[in-house]
Protein backbone atom coordinates (compact mmCIF):
# COMPACT_ATOMS: atom_id res chain seq x y z
CA MET A 1 92.03 116.58 102.85
CA THR A 2 93.19 114.86 99.19
CA ASP A 3 93.48 111.36 99.85
CA ALA A 4 96.50 108.69 99.22
CA SER A 5 95.34 107.20 96.13
CA GLU A 6 94.87 110.41 94.34
CA LYS A 7 98.56 111.14 94.81
CA HIS A 8 99.84 108.99 91.45
CA VAL A 9 97.80 109.30 88.52
CA THR A 10 98.80 107.81 85.30
CA LEU A 11 98.37 109.19 81.98
CA THR A 12 97.79 106.94 79.41
CA LYS A 13 98.09 108.89 75.89
CA MET A 14 96.21 106.29 73.40
CA CYS A 15 96.55 108.67 69.62
CA GLU A 16 93.34 110.80 69.82
CA LEU A 17 92.35 109.62 73.39
CA HIS A 18 94.13 110.16 77.08
CA SER A 19 92.91 107.99 79.48
CA ILE A 20 94.07 109.33 83.39
CA ALA A 21 93.82 106.25 86.17
CA MET A 22 93.17 108.50 89.03
CA PRO A 23 90.54 107.73 91.61
CA ARG A 24 86.71 109.07 90.01
CA ASP A 25 85.39 110.01 93.61
CA GLY A 26 87.37 112.71 95.46
CA GLU A 27 88.97 116.32 95.90
CA LEU A 28 91.27 115.90 92.79
CA ALA A 29 88.24 114.53 90.64
CA GLU A 30 86.15 117.52 91.74
CA ARG A 31 89.04 119.85 90.34
CA PHE A 32 89.34 117.89 87.35
CA GLN A 33 85.93 117.66 86.14
CA LYS A 34 86.20 122.42 86.68
CA ALA A 35 89.23 121.97 85.31
CA PHE A 36 88.75 119.96 82.31
CA PRO A 37 84.83 119.59 81.71
CA THR A 38 84.94 117.39 78.44
CA ALA A 39 86.25 114.64 80.22
CA ALA A 40 84.10 112.13 80.87
CA PHE A 41 84.53 108.50 83.72
CA ASP A 42 84.33 105.74 81.69
CA GLU A 43 82.28 102.77 84.00
CA ALA A 44 83.76 100.07 81.99
CA ALA A 45 87.27 101.31 82.26
CA GLN A 46 87.41 102.24 85.60
CA GLU A 47 89.11 105.49 84.65
CA TRP A 48 88.67 109.11 83.10
CA ARG A 49 88.81 109.59 79.25
CA MET A 50 89.62 112.74 76.96
CA VAL A 51 89.30 113.08 73.34
CA TRP A 52 91.92 115.57 71.88
CA LYS A 53 92.75 116.27 68.69
CA LYS A 54 95.13 114.93 66.22
CA GLY A 55 98.30 117.70 66.86
CA THR A 56 97.66 118.80 69.76
CA TYR A 57 99.32 115.84 72.06
CA ALA A 58 101.86 118.11 73.30
CA ASP A 59 99.68 120.54 74.83
CA SER A 60 97.61 118.62 76.00
CA ASN A 61 99.95 116.52 77.94
CA ALA A 62 101.67 119.89 79.46
CA ARG A 63 97.85 120.87 80.48
CA LEU A 64 97.56 118.17 82.31
CA GLU A 65 101.01 117.59 84.10
CA ALA A 66 100.60 120.55 84.94
CA PHE A 67 96.76 120.71 86.69
CA PHE A 68 98.39 117.60 88.29
CA HIS A 69 101.69 119.22 89.78
CA ASP A 70 99.30 122.01 91.02
CA ASN A 71 97.27 119.91 92.44
CA GLY A 72 100.09 117.69 94.62
CA ALA A 73 99.97 114.77 92.22
CA THR A 74 102.36 112.81 89.93
CA VAL A 75 101.77 111.73 87.07
CA VAL A 76 103.23 108.48 85.26
CA HIS A 77 103.07 108.55 81.49
CA VAL A 78 102.56 105.35 79.06
CA ASP A 79 102.19 106.16 75.52
CA LYS A 80 100.15 103.41 72.87
CA CYS A 81 100.15 105.52 69.92
């Protein structure tokens, strides 16, 4: 069963870096790692990080949103770019 804390995810776009505030462990994190193998958990920031190439933000956001939607989580966007 998915933990309630996994139901809300904050996605922060920081130009060529995305940070994803969600738990490090759990079902959602396991599926996330499989779907986005380049993502890594940043211990200092206590969030997931992913690097995206300039010009692919719309595609990356769409992929992330679709993933979380398909896994029953809501996404809050923060744009710091």
